[in-house]
N, C-alpha and C. Protein backbone atom coordinates (compact mmCIF):
# COMPACT_ATOMS: atom_id res chain seq x y z
N UNK A 1 5.97 19.46 -30.73
CA UNK A 1 6.92 19.11 -29.93
C UNK A 1 8.01 18.25 -30.85
N UNK A 2 9.20 18.62 -30.91
CA UNK A 2 9.88 17.70 -32.06
C UNK A 2 10.89 16.93 -31.64
N UNK A 3 11.21 17.09 -29.87
CA UNK A 3 12.39 15.94 -29.49
C UNK A 3 12.06 15.96 -27.84
N UNK A 4 13.03 15.18 -27.45
CA UNK A 4 12.73 14.66 -26.05
C UNK A 4 12.75 15.93 -24.77
N UNK A 5 13.95 16.60 -25.10
CA UNK A 5 13.92 17.73 -24.33
C UNK A 5 12.52 18.66 -24.47
N UNK A 6 11.93 18.92 -25.27
CA UNK A 6 10.76 19.41 -25.58
C UNK A 6 9.39 18.80 -24.70
N UNK A 7 9.66 17.39 -24.94
CA UNK A 7 8.65 16.52 -24.13
C UNK A 7 9.03 16.65 -22.55
N UNK A 8 10.22 17.10 -22.35
CA UNK A 8 10.39 16.71 -20.71
C UNK A 8 10.00 18.24 -20.20
N UNK A 9 10.09 19.30 -20.93
CA UNK A 9 9.82 20.64 -20.71
C UNK A 9 8.31 20.43 -20.45
N UNK A 10 7.66 20.18 -21.57
CA UNK A 10 6.22 20.07 -21.21
C UNK A 10 5.54 19.07 -20.22
N UNK A 11 6.12 17.98 -20.14
CA UNK A 11 5.76 16.84 -19.18
C UNK A 11 5.81 17.22 -17.66
N UNK A 12 6.89 17.98 -17.44
CA UNK A 12 7.42 18.01 -15.69
C UNK A 12 7.00 19.46 -15.42
N UNK A 13 5.89 19.77 -14.98
CA UNK A 13 5.29 21.18 -14.95
C UNK A 13 4.62 20.76 -13.18
N UNK A 14 4.21 22.04 -13.10
CA UNK A 14 5.51 23.16 -13.04
C UNK A 14 6.79 22.89 -12.57
N UNK A 15 7.35 23.32 -13.33
CA UNK A 15 9.05 23.65 -13.26
C UNK A 15 9.79 23.97 -11.68
N UNK A 16 8.72 24.49 -10.86
CA UNK A 16 9.06 25.20 -9.80
C UNK A 16 9.12 23.79 -8.73
N UNK A 17 8.45 22.89 -9.00
CA UNK A 17 8.24 21.36 -8.33
C UNK A 17 9.48 20.66 -8.24
N UNK A 18 10.20 21.02 -9.52
CA UNK A 18 11.56 20.25 -9.49
C UNK A 18 13.14 20.87 -9.20
N UNK A 19 13.94 20.09 -9.15
CA UNK A 19 15.23 20.63 -8.93
C UNK A 19 15.72 19.93 -10.42
N UNK A 20 16.55 21.15 -11.34
CA UNK A 20 16.64 20.26 -12.54
C UNK A 20 18.56 20.34 -12.71
N UNK A 21 19.18 19.36 -13.05
CA UNK A 21 20.54 19.38 -13.27
C UNK A 21 20.77 18.74 -14.36
N UNK A 22 21.30 19.55 -14.97
CA UNK A 22 21.66 19.46 -16.93
C UNK A 22 23.02 19.11 -16.80
N UNK A 23 23.44 17.84 -16.70
CA UNK A 23 24.33 16.90 -17.03
C UNK A 23 24.78 16.66 -18.43
N UNK A 24 24.30 17.40 -19.25
CA UNK A 24 24.07 16.90 -20.63
C UNK A 24 25.47 17.71 -21.33
N UNK A 25 25.67 19.02 -20.82
CA UNK A 25 26.49 19.81 -21.26
C UNK A 25 28.09 19.45 -20.79
N UNK A 26 28.03 18.40 -20.02
CA UNK A 26 29.34 17.68 -19.75
C UNK A 26 29.19 16.14 -20.35
N UNK A 27 30.05 16.41 -21.52
CA UNK A 27 29.66 14.92 -22.51
C UNK A 27 30.34 13.88 -21.89
N UNK A 28 30.99 14.03 -20.39
CA UNK A 28 31.19 12.91 -19.95
C UNK A 28 30.19 12.33 -19.19
N UNK A 29 29.33 13.01 -18.45
CA UNK A 29 28.12 12.76 -17.86
C UNK A 29 26.99 12.11 -18.81
N UNK A 30 25.99 13.34 -19.72
CA UNK A 30 25.01 13.07 -20.36
C UNK A 30 23.79 12.42 -19.86
N UNK A 31 23.68 13.01 -18.34
CA UNK A 31 22.17 12.75 -17.66
C UNK A 31 21.62 14.02 -17.35
N UNK A 32 20.35 13.99 -17.86
CA UNK A 32 19.51 15.04 -17.57
C UNK A 32 18.83 14.88 -16.46
N UNK A 33 18.89 15.18 -15.35
CA UNK A 33 18.12 14.65 -13.91
C UNK A 33 17.15 15.82 -13.32
N UNK A 34 15.85 15.31 -13.30
CA UNK A 34 14.76 16.00 -12.53
C UNK A 34 14.63 15.31 -11.20
N UNK A 35 14.57 16.31 -10.13
CA UNK A 35 14.17 15.34 -8.93
C UNK A 35 13.09 16.35 -8.25
N UNK A 36 11.82 15.74 -7.91
CA UNK A 36 10.31 16.29 -7.53
C UNK A 36 10.73 16.66 -5.97
N UNK A 37 10.58 17.88 -5.91
CA UNK A 37 10.70 18.42 -4.58
C UNK A 37 9.87 17.70 -3.44
N UNK A 38 8.82 17.31 -3.76
CA UNK A 38 8.04 16.90 -2.50
C UNK A 38 8.27 15.59 -2.70
N UNK A 39 8.55 14.68 -3.38
CA UNK A 39 8.10 13.32 -3.17
C UNK A 39 9.70 12.58 -2.94
N UNK A 40 10.83 13.07 -4.16
CA UNK A 40 12.04 12.98 -3.70
C UNK A 40 12.34 11.95 -4.79
N UNK A 41 11.35 11.75 -5.93
CA UNK A 41 11.41 11.03 -6.68
C UNK A 41 12.60 11.96 -7.96
N UNK A 42 13.41 10.73 -8.30
CA UNK A 42 14.55 10.97 -9.60
C UNK A 42 14.26 10.60 -10.72
N UNK A 43 14.27 11.38 -11.83
CA UNK A 43 13.94 10.92 -13.15
C UNK A 43 15.44 11.30 -13.76
N UNK A 44 15.92 10.44 -14.54
CA UNK A 44 17.27 10.53 -15.24
C UNK A 44 17.13 9.97 -16.73
N UNK A 45 17.26 11.14 -17.44
CA UNK A 45 17.15 10.89 -18.94
C UNK A 45 18.89 11.10 -19.13
N UNK A 46 19.42 9.99 -19.73
CA UNK A 46 20.54 9.43 -19.92
C UNK A 46 21.12 9.55 -21.38
N UNK A 47 21.78 10.33 -21.72
CA UNK A 47 22.90 10.29 -23.07
C UNK A 47 21.66 10.62 -24.16
N UNK A 48 21.18 11.61 -24.31
CA UNK A 48 20.84 12.08 -24.96
C UNK A 48 21.60 12.57 -26.42
N UNK A 49 21.32 12.43 -27.55
CA UNK A 49 22.10 13.00 -28.56
C UNK A 49 22.00 14.50 -28.57
N UNK A 50 22.88 14.89 -29.45
CA UNK A 50 22.97 16.54 -29.43
C UNK A 50 21.63 17.26 -29.56
N UNK A 51 20.77 16.78 -30.72
CA UNK A 51 19.43 17.80 -30.93
C UNK A 51 18.33 16.68 -30.22
N UNK A 52 18.82 15.84 -29.18
CA UNK A 52 17.51 15.41 -28.31
C UNK A 52 16.55 14.47 -29.22
N UNK A 53 17.03 13.79 -30.32
CA UNK A 53 16.14 13.10 -31.19
C UNK A 53 16.06 11.73 -30.60
N UNK A 54 17.09 11.52 -29.91
CA UNK A 54 17.43 10.03 -29.46
C UNK A 54 18.01 10.29 -28.39
N UNK A 55 17.62 9.41 -27.23
CA UNK A 55 17.75 9.39 -25.79
C UNK A 55 18.40 7.92 -25.84
N UNK A 56 19.75 7.74 -24.59
CA UNK A 56 19.97 6.65 -24.44
C UNK A 56 18.92 5.41 -23.31
N UNK A 57 18.48 6.29 -22.40
CA UNK A 57 17.73 5.57 -21.39
C UNK A 57 17.12 6.39 -20.66
N UNK A 58 16.08 6.23 -19.90
CA UNK A 58 15.49 7.00 -18.69
C UNK A 58 14.77 5.88 -17.66
N UNK A 59 15.16 6.34 -16.36
CA UNK A 59 15.31 5.55 -15.27
C UNK A 59 14.64 6.77 -14.32
N UNK A 60 13.59 6.14 -13.13
CA UNK A 60 13.29 6.65 -12.24
C UNK A 60 13.38 6.14 -10.87
N UNK A 61 13.95 6.62 -9.92
CA UNK A 61 14.07 5.85 -8.59
C UNK A 61 13.77 6.79 -7.58
N UNK A 62 13.95 6.60 -5.92
CA UNK A 62 13.69 7.28 -5.03
C UNK A 62 14.47 6.83 -4.02
N UNK A 63 15.20 7.68 -3.13
CA UNK A 63 16.02 7.42 -2.00
C UNK A 63 15.64 6.88 -1.15
N UNK A 64 14.07 6.91 -1.00
CA UNK A 64 13.27 6.14 0.30
C UNK A 64 13.52 4.74 0.19
N UNK A 65 14.06 4.29 -1.46
CA UNK A 65 14.02 2.67 -1.50
C UNK A 65 15.19 2.40 -2.13
N UNK A 66 15.60 1.21 -2.36
CA UNK A 66 16.71 0.50 -2.85
C UNK A 66 16.29 0.45 -4.39
N UNK A 67 14.80 0.25 -4.42
CA UNK A 67 14.42 -0.56 -5.86
C UNK A 67 14.21 0.80 -6.55
N UNK A 68 14.17 0.46 -8.14
CA UNK A 68 14.05 1.62 -8.98
C UNK A 68 13.06 0.86 -10.22
N UNK A 69 13.36 1.97 -11.12
CA UNK A 69 12.27 1.36 -12.27
C UNK A 69 12.76 0.63 -13.12
N UNK A 70 14.10 0.30 -13.17
CA UNK A 70 14.42 -0.63 -14.46
C UNK A 70 14.76 0.35 -15.61
N UNK A 71 14.91 -0.07 -16.95
CA UNK A 71 15.60 0.95 -17.77
C UNK A 71 14.52 0.69 -18.90
N UNK A 72 14.38 2.07 -19.48
CA UNK A 72 13.67 2.31 -20.43
C UNK A 72 14.34 2.17 -21.97
N UNK A 73 15.62 2.33 -22.07
CA UNK A 73 16.58 1.68 -23.19
C UNK A 73 16.71 2.82 -24.24
N UNK A 74 17.32 2.61 -25.22
CA UNK A 74 17.46 3.53 -26.19
C UNK A 74 16.20 4.15 -26.74
N UNK A 75 15.53 5.19 -27.29
CA UNK A 75 14.78 5.38 -27.78
C UNK A 75 14.77 7.05 -28.83
N UNK A 76 14.20 6.58 -30.22
CA UNK A 76 14.14 7.75 -30.83
C UNK A 76 12.68 8.37 -30.95
N UNK A 77 13.04 9.90 -30.67
CA UNK A 77 11.38 10.57 -30.46
C UNK A 77 10.54 10.26 -31.44
N UNK A 78 9.47 9.88 -31.12
CA UNK A 78 8.22 9.72 -32.06
C UNK A 78 6.96 9.80 -31.18
N UNK A 79 5.79 9.56 -31.89
CA UNK A 79 4.73 9.58 -31.17
C UNK A 79 4.15 8.38 -30.39
N UNK A 80 4.98 6.85 -31.12
CA UNK A 80 4.71 5.75 -30.47
C UNK A 80 5.82 5.61 -29.19
N UNK A 81 7.15 6.31 -29.53
CA UNK A 81 7.93 6.14 -28.34
C UNK A 81 7.57 6.86 -26.98
N UNK A 82 6.83 8.08 -27.64
CA UNK A 82 6.49 9.01 -26.75
C UNK A 82 5.32 8.35 -25.65
N UNK A 83 4.30 7.63 -26.51
CA UNK A 83 3.43 6.89 -25.62
C UNK A 83 4.02 5.91 -24.75
N UNK A 84 4.97 5.29 -25.31
CA UNK A 84 5.53 4.07 -24.53
C UNK A 84 6.67 4.55 -23.25
N UNK A 85 7.16 5.95 -23.27
CA UNK A 85 7.58 6.65 -22.28
C UNK A 85 6.64 6.75 -21.62
N UNK A 86 5.79 7.47 -21.68
CA UNK A 86 4.30 8.27 -20.99
C UNK A 86 3.68 6.97 -19.78
N UNK A 87 3.75 5.81 -20.54
CA UNK A 87 3.23 4.48 -19.91
C UNK A 87 4.11 3.99 -18.91
N UNK A 88 5.64 4.15 -19.25
CA UNK A 88 6.92 3.86 -18.24
C UNK A 88 6.59 4.80 -17.38
N UNK A 89 7.00 6.00 -17.45
CA UNK A 89 6.68 7.04 -16.29
C UNK A 89 5.16 6.99 -15.39
N UNK A 90 4.32 6.30 -15.74
CA UNK A 90 2.79 6.67 -15.39
C UNK A 90 2.88 6.22 -13.77
N UNK A 91 3.72 5.27 -13.05
CA UNK A 91 3.79 4.79 -11.56
C UNK A 91 4.31 5.97 -10.89
N UNK A 92 5.46 6.68 -11.28
CA UNK A 92 6.04 7.55 -10.57
C UNK A 92 5.49 8.89 -10.99
N UNK A 93 4.54 9.35 -11.80
CA UNK A 93 4.14 10.64 -12.28
C UNK A 93 2.80 10.46 -11.77
N UNK A 94 1.76 9.78 -12.17
CA UNK A 94 0.14 9.70 -11.93
C UNK A 94 -0.24 8.57 -10.68
N UNK A 95 0.25 7.42 -10.56
CA UNK A 95 -0.16 6.41 -9.94
C UNK A 95 0.17 5.90 -8.59
N UNK A 96 1.82 6.63 -8.72
CA UNK A 96 2.71 6.23 -7.53
C UNK A 96 2.90 4.80 -7.61
N UNK A 97 3.83 4.26 -6.77
CA UNK A 97 4.50 2.52 -6.96
C UNK A 97 5.22 2.30 -5.67
N UNK A 98 5.57 1.10 -5.19
CA UNK A 98 5.91 0.63 -4.19
C UNK A 98 7.21 -0.31 -4.17
N UNK A 99 7.70 -0.38 -3.48
CA UNK A 99 9.12 -1.49 -3.30
C UNK A 99 9.33 -2.21 -2.02
N UNK A 100 9.32 -3.63 -2.23
CA UNK A 100 9.65 -4.51 -1.12
C UNK A 100 11.34 -4.29 -1.06
N UNK A 101 11.99 -3.98 -0.39
CA UNK A 101 13.51 -3.93 -0.17
C UNK A 101 14.25 -5.29 0.71
N UNK A 102 14.87 -5.94 0.48
CA UNK A 102 15.11 -7.35 1.13
C UNK A 102 16.76 -7.12 1.76
N UNK A 103 17.01 -7.64 2.71
CA UNK A 103 18.41 -7.13 3.34
C UNK A 103 18.59 -8.48 4.30
N UNK A 104 19.82 -8.76 4.23
CA UNK A 104 20.79 -9.93 4.96
C UNK A 104 21.90 -9.12 5.73
N UNK A 105 21.65 -9.08 6.83
CA UNK A 105 22.64 -8.36 7.81
C UNK A 105 22.71 -6.95 7.18
N UNK A 106 21.99 -6.34 7.10
CA UNK A 106 21.88 -4.65 7.08
C UNK A 106 22.31 -4.58 5.69
N UNK A 107 22.37 -5.48 4.60
CA UNK A 107 22.60 -5.29 3.18
C UNK A 107 21.61 -5.59 2.49
N UNK A 108 21.52 -4.95 1.38
CA UNK A 108 20.47 -4.84 0.82
C UNK A 108 20.87 -6.02 -0.83
N UNK A 109 19.90 -6.86 -0.82
CA UNK A 109 20.33 -7.65 -1.89
C UNK A 109 19.25 -7.98 -3.10
N UNK A 110 18.20 -7.30 -2.57
CA UNK A 110 16.89 -7.37 -3.70
C UNK A 110 15.74 -6.69 -3.65
N UNK A 111 15.01 -6.08 -4.47
CA UNK A 111 13.88 -4.97 -4.34
C UNK A 111 12.77 -5.73 -5.45
N UNK A 112 11.91 -5.63 -4.60
CA UNK A 112 10.57 -6.23 -5.55
C UNK A 112 9.89 -4.50 -6.36
N UNK A 113 9.83 -4.23 -7.36
CA UNK A 113 9.34 -2.50 -7.45
C UNK A 113 8.05 -2.96 -8.31
N UNK A 114 6.99 -2.67 -7.61
CA UNK A 114 5.45 -2.72 -8.23
C UNK A 114 5.17 -1.43 -8.97
N UNK A 115 4.21 -1.60 -9.77
CA UNK A 115 3.80 -0.57 -10.65
C UNK A 115 2.36 0.29 -9.97
N UNK A 116 2.16 -0.07 -8.68
CA UNK A 116 1.16 0.41 -8.06
C UNK A 116 1.68 0.63 -6.28
N UNK A 117 0.94 1.01 -5.74
CA UNK A 117 0.90 1.15 -4.40
C UNK A 117 0.63 0.31 -3.31
N UNK A 118 0.07 -0.87 -4.06
CA UNK A 118 -0.48 -1.96 -3.14
C UNK A 118 0.30 -3.15 -2.96
N UNK A 119 1.64 -3.16 -3.60
CA UNK A 119 2.40 -4.43 -3.60
C UNK A 119 1.97 -5.73 -4.20
N UNK A 120 1.16 -5.32 -5.51
CA UNK A 120 0.45 -6.40 -6.20
C UNK A 120 0.70 -6.52 -7.74
N UNK A 121 0.44 -7.32 -8.25
CA UNK A 121 0.66 -7.44 -9.85
C UNK A 121 2.13 -7.36 -10.56
N UNK A 122 2.09 -6.57 -11.72
CA UNK A 122 3.26 -6.55 -12.17
C UNK A 122 4.47 -5.95 -11.22
N UNK A 123 5.58 -6.65 -11.56
CA UNK A 123 6.91 -6.20 -10.64
C UNK A 123 7.99 -6.13 -11.38
N UNK A 124 9.19 -5.68 -11.11
CA UNK A 124 9.95 -5.43 -11.59
C UNK A 124 10.99 -5.58 -10.42
N UNK A 125 12.03 -6.96 -10.69
CA UNK A 125 13.00 -7.44 -9.48
C UNK A 125 14.36 -6.58 -10.00
N UNK A 126 14.94 -6.38 -8.86
CA UNK A 126 16.29 -5.24 -8.90
C UNK A 126 16.90 -6.02 -7.60
N UNK A 127 18.42 -6.76 -8.28
CA UNK A 127 19.42 -7.38 -7.21
C UNK A 127 20.41 -6.42 -7.12
N UNK A 128 21.10 -6.08 -5.87
CA UNK A 128 22.23 -5.34 -5.47
C UNK A 128 23.01 -6.48 -4.64
N UNK A 129 24.27 -5.91 -4.21
CA UNK A 129 24.77 -6.15 -2.78
C UNK A 129 25.48 -7.59 -2.95
N UNK A 130 25.37 -8.63 -3.31
CA UNK A 130 26.05 -9.71 -3.14
C UNK A 130 26.85 -10.54 -4.48
N UNK A 131 26.67 -9.80 -5.70
CA UNK A 131 27.04 -10.10 -6.82
C UNK A 131 27.21 -11.46 -7.00
N UNK A 132 28.46 -12.24 -7.13
CA UNK A 132 28.15 -13.57 -7.54
C UNK A 132 27.70 -14.20 -6.70
N UNK A 133 27.73 -14.22 -5.27
CA UNK A 133 27.50 -15.06 -3.99
C UNK A 133 25.91 -15.05 -4.35
N UNK A 134 24.89 -14.31 -4.70
CA UNK A 134 23.77 -14.21 -5.25
C UNK A 134 23.39 -15.45 -6.06
N UNK A 135 24.31 -15.73 -6.61
CA UNK A 135 24.22 -17.01 -7.70
C UNK A 135 24.31 -18.03 -7.19
N UNK A 136 25.48 -18.14 -6.16
CA UNK A 136 25.98 -19.38 -5.58
C UNK A 136 24.95 -19.83 -4.60
N UNK A 137 24.53 -18.62 -3.86
CA UNK A 137 23.28 -19.31 -3.04
C UNK A 137 22.01 -19.05 -2.91
N UNK A 138 21.71 -18.97 -4.64
CA UNK A 138 20.53 -18.95 -4.77
C UNK A 138 19.20 -19.46 -3.89
N UNK A 139 19.56 -20.45 -3.72
CA UNK A 139 18.55 -21.37 -2.91
C UNK A 139 18.22 -20.57 -1.45
N UNK A 140 19.15 -20.61 -0.76
CA UNK A 140 19.33 -19.54 0.51
C UNK A 140 18.30 -18.04 0.46
N UNK A 141 18.88 -17.45 -0.73
CA UNK A 141 18.23 -16.02 -0.95
C UNK A 141 16.62 -16.48 -1.23
N UNK A 142 16.69 -17.36 -2.16
CA UNK A 142 15.20 -17.48 -2.48
C UNK A 142 14.29 -17.66 -1.34
N UNK A 143 14.84 -18.63 -0.31
CA UNK A 143 13.82 -18.95 0.59
C UNK A 143 13.62 -17.74 1.70
N UNK A 144 15.07 -16.74 1.61
CA UNK A 144 14.83 -16.00 2.66
C UNK A 144 14.07 -14.76 2.34
N UNK A 145 14.02 -14.70 0.92
CA UNK A 145 12.98 -13.77 0.26
C UNK A 145 11.71 -14.45 0.64
N UNK A 146 11.55 -15.44 0.38
CA UNK A 146 9.86 -15.80 0.85
C UNK A 146 9.55 -15.77 1.95
N UNK A 147 10.45 -16.26 2.95
CA UNK A 147 10.06 -15.97 4.42
C UNK A 147 9.97 -14.44 4.81
N UNK A 148 10.61 -14.00 4.14
CA UNK A 148 10.33 -12.56 4.59
C UNK A 148 9.43 -11.76 3.99
N UNK A 149 8.82 -12.10 2.55
CA UNK A 149 8.18 -11.63 2.19
C UNK A 149 6.46 -11.96 2.92
N UNK A 150 6.66 -12.90 3.44
CA UNK A 150 5.20 -13.36 4.22
C UNK A 150 5.29 -13.04 5.43
N UNK A 151 6.17 -12.47 5.66
CA UNK A 151 6.36 -11.92 7.46
C UNK A 151 6.78 -12.62 8.29
N UNK A 152 7.71 -13.95 7.99
CA UNK A 152 7.64 -15.06 9.21
C UNK A 152 9.13 -14.76 9.28
N UNK A 153 10.26 -14.02 8.95
CA UNK A 153 11.10 -13.35 9.26
C UNK A 153 11.53 -12.23 8.98
N UNK A 154 12.27 -11.37 9.70
CA UNK A 154 12.55 -9.98 9.37
C UNK A 154 13.46 -9.79 8.33
N UNK A 155 13.41 -8.60 7.81
CA UNK A 155 14.65 -8.16 6.90
C UNK A 155 13.90 -7.48 5.81
N UNK A 156 12.70 -7.35 5.88
CA UNK A 156 11.92 -6.64 4.11
C UNK A 156 11.51 -5.38 4.92
N UNK A 157 12.01 -4.35 3.98
CA UNK A 157 10.91 -2.95 4.31
C UNK A 157 10.31 -2.83 3.07
N UNK A 158 8.89 -2.12 3.68
CA UNK A 158 7.82 -1.70 2.31
C UNK A 158 7.88 -0.49 2.17
N UNK A 159 8.12 0.20 1.05
CA UNK A 159 8.29 1.58 0.99
C UNK A 159 6.96 1.91 -0.02
N UNK A 160 6.08 2.98 0.16
CA UNK A 160 5.33 3.37 -0.71
C UNK A 160 5.63 4.83 -1.03
N UNK A 161 5.82 5.11 -2.77
CA UNK A 161 6.26 6.16 -2.73
C UNK A 161 4.89 6.91 -3.68
N UNK A 162 4.71 8.16 -3.46
CA UNK A 162 3.55 9.12 -3.99
C UNK A 162 3.85 9.28 -5.31
N UNK A 163 2.82 9.80 -6.04
CA UNK A 163 3.27 10.00 -7.65
C UNK A 163 3.31 11.73 -7.38
N UNK A 164 4.02 11.98 -8.30
CA UNK A 164 4.65 13.31 -8.57
C UNK A 164 3.74 14.47 -8.95
N UNK A 165 2.88 14.07 -9.71
CA UNK A 165 1.34 14.85 -10.09
C UNK A 165 0.50 14.29 -9.14
N UNK A 166 -0.06 15.29 -8.06
CA UNK A 166 -1.03 15.28 -7.17
C UNK A 166 -2.52 15.84 -7.82
N UNK A 167 -3.36 15.06 -7.65
CA UNK A 167 -4.98 15.52 -8.01
C UNK A 167 -5.19 15.60 -6.63
N UNK A 168 -6.80 16.10 -6.98
CA UNK A 168 -7.76 16.39 -5.29
C UNK A 168 -8.21 14.73 -5.21
N UNK A 169 -7.94 13.94 -6.07
CA UNK A 169 -8.53 12.63 -5.89
C UNK A 169 -7.40 12.14 -4.75
N UNK A 170 -6.26 12.16 -4.84
CA UNK A 170 -4.95 11.71 -4.27
C UNK A 170 -4.90 12.04 -2.93
N UNK A 171 -5.39 13.38 -2.75
CA UNK A 171 -5.42 14.12 -1.16
C UNK A 171 -6.36 13.61 -0.23
C-alpha cells in the first residue's frame, strides 16, 4: 500500500456495499465520496493530490443526523497517519456513533457527536444555523441546550448510527 487511494480501496470492502462518486477527476471538486448502502454513512476524502500521497481532509457523516465527525485535516500517507485515520474512522466503521441534535423553532443550531452509541464520553460539538446570533445569545443557547439534554424541554433528537462493518457480535 503506497497511497491513500490504495488504503481506501483496501479499507472499504466489499465495494458492492458502497456507492462511489469520484469527484477527484473534476479539479474544481476534489472529493472522493463513499456512501454505505445499508447505514447511509458518507465518507468524504477531500482534495487528494495527483498521486494520492497527501489528502486535504477526511470527514464522515450521515443524513439521519445533523452532526458530523469533524475534520481529520491534511495528511501525508504514512503508517503513523494511516493509524490516526483508522482511529478517526473507527466509530463509523467498527463501533457505531451517536448524535444529539438540538433545535430551536425547528432550526438546527448544535449537535453533540459521540464516538460511541451510548451518548457518553468523548464528543465533538458541531454548530450551525444561527451564525453570529449563536455568539450573541450564548447564555440562551447554553441554557436551552442543557434543559433539552436533561429532557426538561423538547427540541433534542437523539440518533444512533450503526457501524458500516457488521460482525456477528453486532447482529
